[in-house]
Amino acid sequence: MTSFLRISLARRGVSCVAELLEKDAPRTCAAVWDALARGPLGGDAQHAKYARNEVYTMVPRFAQIGRENPTVTPIPGDVVLFDFAGGMLDSAFKADQGIDAEEGAIDLAIFYGRNNLLINGDVGWVPGNVFASIVEGLAPMAEACHDVWRSGSAGERLVYERLAADPR
């Protein structure tokens, strides 16, 4: 049975539906699905500085998955998980996000436009696990994500939750 997520920008009142890519990223999908069994995952929405058309949130590290279905060139509609060990992130960013320096964090990201490149000036290439694909509502979500870029992310939350059944 196919599993689906709802991904929302809470303050803007916009959401989309993503289908888990269970054949391509079974470990990542299982870890995310299991984490969502305890309720929605989300936090402060951030717009990428380097990757281009990405909105993400950082959540406590709920699993150590390793590389699976990796990319450094995500396409519109890709939903990607990045697992950052404690020493990987800038200390000011960790303090701002409330991330424990030792535990690290998981970054759950959506990509809403073309020409993305996952490279960071501090550490180089940053591959992520593509674990879902947005199958409904990408256009309005892309518009809202672009507004996060132009108007700012203050007060916005990016939230991931399970959907009980195929919404289509």
Protein backbone atom coordinates (compact mmCIF):
# COMPACT_ATOMS: atom_id res chain seq x y z
CA MET A 1 0.00 0.00 0.00
CA THR A 2 1.31 3.44 -0.91
CA SER A 3 1.84 5.96 1.90
CA PHE A 4 1.31 9.71 1.69
CA LEU A 5 2.29 12.79 3.67
CA ARG A 6 0.73 16.21 3.98
CA ILE A 7 3.33 18.96 4.06
CA SER A 8 2.13 22.39 5.15
CA LEU A 9 3.29 25.94 5.59
CA ALA A 10 1.07 26.53 8.61
CA ARG A 11 0.89 30.33 8.77
CA ARG A 12 0.33 30.68 5.04
CA GLY A 13 -2.35 27.96 5.14
CA VAL A 14 -0.91 26.07 2.15
CA SER A 15 -0.26 22.35 1.91
CA CYS A 16 0.70 19.70 -0.60
CA VAL A 17 0.61 15.92 -0.71
CA ALA A 18 3.71 13.78 -1.18
CA GLU A 19 3.92 10.09 -1.99
CA LEU A 20 6.60 8.11 -0.16
CA LEU A 21 9.14 6.47 -2.49
CA GLU A 22 9.20 3.21 -0.55
CA LYS A 23 10.91 1.19 -3.31
CA ASP A 24 13.70 3.75 -3.82
CA ALA A 25 14.28 4.74 -0.18
CA PRO A 26 12.80 2.05 2.07
CA ARG A 27 14.90 2.81 5.18
CA THR A 28 14.32 6.55 4.97
CA CYS A 29 10.58 6.14 4.35
CA ALA A 30 10.25 3.72 7.27
CA ALA A 31 12.15 6.04 9.62
CA VAL A 32 10.06 9.08 8.67
CA TRP A 33 6.77 7.12 8.77
CA ASP A 34 7.65 5.70 12.20
CA ALA A 35 8.62 9.14 13.53
CA LEU A 36 5.30 10.55 12.27
CA ALA A 37 3.40 7.83 14.17
CA ARG A 38 4.03 9.93 17.30
CA GLY A 39 2.42 12.97 15.61
CA PRO A 40 3.39 15.65 13.10
CA LEU A 41 7.02 16.71 12.69
CA GLY A 42 7.77 20.33 12.08
CA GLY A 43 9.45 23.47 13.14
CA ASP A 44 10.50 26.89 12.00
CA ALA A 45 10.51 27.14 8.23
CA GLN A 46 13.78 28.23 6.66
CA HIS A 47 14.55 29.12 3.07
CA ALA A 48 17.84 27.78 1.72
CA LYS A 49 20.81 30.10 1.32
CA TYR A 50 22.84 27.96 -1.05
CA ALA A 51 20.61 25.28 -2.58
CA ARG A 52 18.25 27.76 -4.25
CA ASN A 53 14.57 26.65 -4.32
CA GLU A 54 14.35 24.84 -1.00
CA VAL A 55 12.29 25.31 2.15
CA TYR A 56 13.19 23.16 5.13
CA THR A 57 12.83 22.65 8.84
CA MET A 58 15.13 21.07 11.38
CA VAL A 59 13.78 18.41 13.75
CA PRO A 60 15.42 16.32 16.47
CA ARG A 61 17.41 13.40 15.12
CA PHE A 62 15.00 10.45 15.11
CA ALA A 63 17.17 7.93 13.23
CA GLN A 64 20.55 7.34 11.65
CA ILE A 65 19.75 6.12 8.16
CA GLY A 66 22.82 6.53 6.00
CA ARG A 67 22.77 7.29 2.28
CA GLU A 68 19.80 6.05 0.30
CA ASN A 69 18.50 7.34 -3.04
CA PRO A 70 20.91 10.29 -2.73
CA THR A 71 21.00 13.44 -4.81
CA VAL A 72 22.87 16.72 -5.00
CA THR A 73 20.58 18.00 -7.79
CA PRO A 74 16.98 17.75 -6.49
CA ILE A 75 14.14 18.55 -8.87
CA PRO A 76 10.84 20.35 -8.22
CA GLY A 77 8.64 18.20 -6.00
CA ASP A 78 11.46 16.26 -4.35
CA VAL A 79 11.16 15.76 -0.59
CA VAL A 80 14.60 15.19 0.90
CA LEU A 81 16.01 14.16 4.26
CA PHE A 82 19.45 15.32 5.42
CA ASP A 83 20.99 13.80 8.54
CA PHE A 84 23.42 16.23 10.16
CA ALA A 85 25.73 14.91 12.85
CA GLY A 86 26.45 17.18 15.81
CA GLY A 87 29.65 18.70 14.45
CA MET A 88 28.29 19.38 10.98
CA LEU A 89 26.28 22.56 11.53
CA ASP A 90 27.43 26.10 12.25
CA SER A 91 27.28 26.89 16.00
CA ALA A 92 25.21 30.08 15.55
CA PHE A 93 22.67 28.16 13.43
CA LYS A 94 22.50 25.37 16.03
CA ALA A 95 21.87 27.93 18.77
CA ASP A 96 19.17 29.68 16.70
CA GLN A 97 17.43 26.37 15.94
CA GLY A 98 17.79 24.92 19.45
CA ILE A 99 19.81 21.98 18.12
CA ASP A 100 21.84 19.97 20.61
CA ALA A 101 25.50 20.26 19.62
CA GLU A 102 26.14 16.55 20.24
CA GLU A 103 22.99 14.97 18.84
CA GLY A 104 22.76 16.86 15.57
CA ALA A 105 19.48 17.17 13.68
CA ILE A 106 17.45 16.00 10.73
CA ASP A 107 16.60 18.47 8.00
CA LEU A 108 13.33 17.76 6.17
CA ALA A 109 13.21 19.74 2.94
CA ILE A 110 11.00 20.32 -0.06
CA PHE A 111 12.27 21.58 -3.39
CA TYR A 112 9.84 23.72 -5.34
CA GLY A 113 11.75 24.96 -8.37
CA ARG A 114 14.48 24.04 -10.84
CA ASN A 115 18.26 24.44 -10.87
CA ASN A 116 19.02 23.33 -7.31
CA LEU A 117 22.54 22.38 -6.33
CA LEU A 118 23.35 20.98 -2.90
CA ILE A 119 26.71 22.51 -2.18
CA ASN A 120 27.74 24.43 0.91
CA GLY A 121 30.72 26.76 1.04
CA ASP A 122 31.79 25.40 4.44
CA VAL A 123 31.67 21.67 3.76
CA GLY A 124 31.25 21.08 0.02
CA TRP A 125 28.68 18.68 -1.45
CA VAL A 126 25.71 17.87 0.80
CA PRO A 127 23.84 14.85 -0.59
CA GLY A 128 20.37 14.17 0.73
CA ASN A 129 18.00 11.19 0.60
CA VAL A 130 15.05 11.70 -1.76
CA PHE A 131 12.27 9.85 0.05
CA ALA A 132 9.04 11.33 -1.34
CA SER A 133 7.66 13.20 -4.32
CA ILE A 134 4.99 15.89 -4.24
CA VAL A 135 2.03 14.57 -6.24
CA GLU A 136 -0.62 17.18 -5.44
CA GLY A 137 -0.48 20.92 -4.74
CA LEU A 138 3.06 21.68 -5.93
CA ALA A 139 2.08 24.92 -7.74
CA PRO A 140 0.43 26.65 -4.74
CA MET A 141 3.16 25.33 -2.42
CA ALA A 142 5.83 26.69 -4.79
CA GLU A 143 4.15 30.09 -4.73
CA ALA A 144 4.05 30.04 -0.92
CA CYS A 145 7.69 28.88 -0.73
CA HIS A 146 8.73 31.72 -3.02
CA ASP A 147 6.88 34.08 -0.66
CA VAL A 148 8.97 32.67 2.21
CA TRP A 149 12.02 33.73 0.17
CA ARG A 150 10.69 37.22 -0.65
CA SER A 151 8.74 38.08 2.50
CA GLY A 152 10.64 36.09 5.11
CA SER A 153 10.18 33.01 7.20
CA ALA A 154 9.60 34.64 10.60
CA GLY A 155 6.62 33.00 12.28
CA GLU A 156 6.23 30.31 9.60
CA ARG A 157 6.28 26.59 10.38
CA LEU A 158 6.87 23.73 7.96
CA VAL A 159 4.91 20.67 9.14
CA TYR A 160 4.94 17.04 7.95
CA GLU A 161 2.16 14.62 8.88
CA ARG A 162 0.82 11.23 7.85
CA LEU A 163 -2.23 10.96 5.62
CA ALA A 164 -4.54 8.07 6.38
CA ALA A 165 -5.29 7.19 2.75
CA ASP A 166 -4.56 8.12 -0.86
CA PRO A 167 -5.95 11.66 -1.12
CA ARG A 168 -6.38 11.54 -4.89
